[in-house]
């Protein structure tokens, strides 16, 4: 009897691991959608506006009040670094 229960538990664990592996995490999914959107010849000005709004919304809703200024500054620095890496600025 214990062997049967242990086997069932192992099967449940395997099913959970398979389900987790089959479900992409939200961050990877967002990056993928952004790449697809850019590739699909969407209006680049609108894409940039949506991305900037996404940054502002994330800062305003997900970052604690006491860290927003610091993180906002770091995001600005990161943007400048990434632009330079692409030969812009």
Protein backbone atom coordinates (compact mmCIF):
# COMPACT_ATOMS: atom_id res chain seq x y z
CA UNK A 1 0.00 0.00 0.00
CA UNK A 2 2.70 2.59 0.83
CA UNK A 3 4.42 1.79 -2.48
CA UNK A 4 1.20 2.52 -4.38
CA UNK A 5 0.69 5.85 -2.56
CA UNK A 6 4.34 6.80 -3.12
CA UNK A 7 3.96 5.98 -6.83
CA UNK A 8 0.84 8.15 -7.06
CA UNK A 9 2.65 11.02 -5.36
CA UNK A 10 5.54 10.70 -7.82
CA UNK A 11 3.09 10.79 -10.75
CA UNK A 12 1.46 13.92 -9.33
CA UNK A 13 4.85 15.58 -8.98
CA UNK A 14 5.73 14.68 -12.57
CA UNK A 15 2.41 16.09 -13.81
CA UNK A 16 2.99 19.32 -11.90
CA UNK A 17 6.51 19.65 -13.29
CA UNK A 18 5.25 19.03 -16.84
CA UNK A 19 2.52 21.65 -16.43
CA UNK A 20 5.01 24.18 -15.07
CA UNK A 21 7.44 23.53 -17.93
CA UNK A 22 4.67 23.92 -20.50
CA UNK A 23 3.58 27.31 -19.12
CA UNK A 24 5.91 30.18 -20.02
CA UNK A 25 6.59 32.72 -17.32
CA UNK A 26 5.05 36.17 -17.79
CA UNK A 27 8.39 37.92 -18.35
CA UNK A 28 9.44 35.57 -21.14
CA UNK A 29 6.00 35.83 -22.69
CA UNK A 30 6.14 39.64 -22.65
CA UNK A 31 9.59 39.67 -24.29
CA UNK A 32 8.33 37.27 -26.95
CA UNK A 33 5.24 39.39 -27.67
CA UNK A 34 7.39 42.52 -27.97
CA UNK A 35 9.67 40.81 -30.50
CA UNK A 36 6.67 39.58 -32.49
CA UNK A 37 5.07 43.04 -32.45
CA UNK A 38 8.23 44.73 -33.72
CA UNK A 39 8.69 42.06 -36.37
CA UNK A 40 5.07 42.49 -37.53
CA UNK A 41 5.79 46.04 -38.73
CA UNK A 42 3.60 47.68 -36.10
CA UNK A 43 3.96 51.46 -35.86
CA UNK A 44 7.31 51.92 -34.07
CA UNK A 45 6.22 55.19 -32.47
CA UNK A 46 3.19 53.53 -30.93
CA UNK A 47 5.32 50.60 -29.75
CA UNK A 48 7.71 53.00 -28.00
CA UNK A 49 4.79 54.83 -26.39
CA UNK A 50 3.28 51.60 -25.11
CA UNK A 51 6.63 50.44 -23.73
CA UNK A 52 7.22 53.76 -21.94
CA UNK A 53 3.71 53.63 -20.49
CA UNK A 54 4.42 50.06 -19.37
CA UNK A 55 7.53 51.23 -17.52
CA UNK A 56 5.65 54.10 -15.86
CA UNK A 57 2.73 51.85 -14.93
CA UNK A 58 5.03 49.18 -13.49
CA UNK A 59 6.91 51.77 -11.43
CA UNK A 60 3.68 53.31 -10.16
CA UNK A 61 1.90 50.08 -9.30
CA UNK A 62 4.51 47.45 -8.47
CA UNK A 63 7.48 49.29 -6.98
CA UNK A 64 7.20 50.42 -3.34
CA UNK A 65 6.80 54.20 -2.87
CA UNK A 66 10.14 54.55 -1.11
CA UNK A 67 12.03 52.95 -4.03
CA UNK A 68 10.27 54.53 -7.03
CA UNK A 69 12.67 57.46 -7.41
CA UNK A 70 15.74 55.25 -7.18
CA UNK A 71 14.37 52.59 -9.52
CA UNK A 72 13.09 55.22 -11.98
CA UNK A 73 16.62 56.65 -12.14
CA UNK A 74 18.10 53.19 -12.65
CA UNK A 75 15.63 52.49 -15.46
CA UNK A 76 16.69 55.74 -17.13
CA UNK A 77 20.36 54.75 -16.86
CA UNK A 78 19.61 51.30 -18.23
CA UNK A 79 17.79 52.81 -21.22
CA UNK A 80 20.76 55.08 -21.98
CA UNK A 81 23.14 52.11 -21.71
CA UNK A 82 21.01 49.97 -24.04
CA UNK A 83 20.70 52.79 -26.57
CA UNK A 84 24.48 53.24 -26.57
CA UNK A 85 24.93 49.49 -27.01
CA UNK A 86 22.82 49.81 -30.17
CA UNK A 87 24.88 52.78 -31.40
CA UNK A 88 22.29 55.42 -30.49
CA UNK A 89 23.38 58.46 -28.49
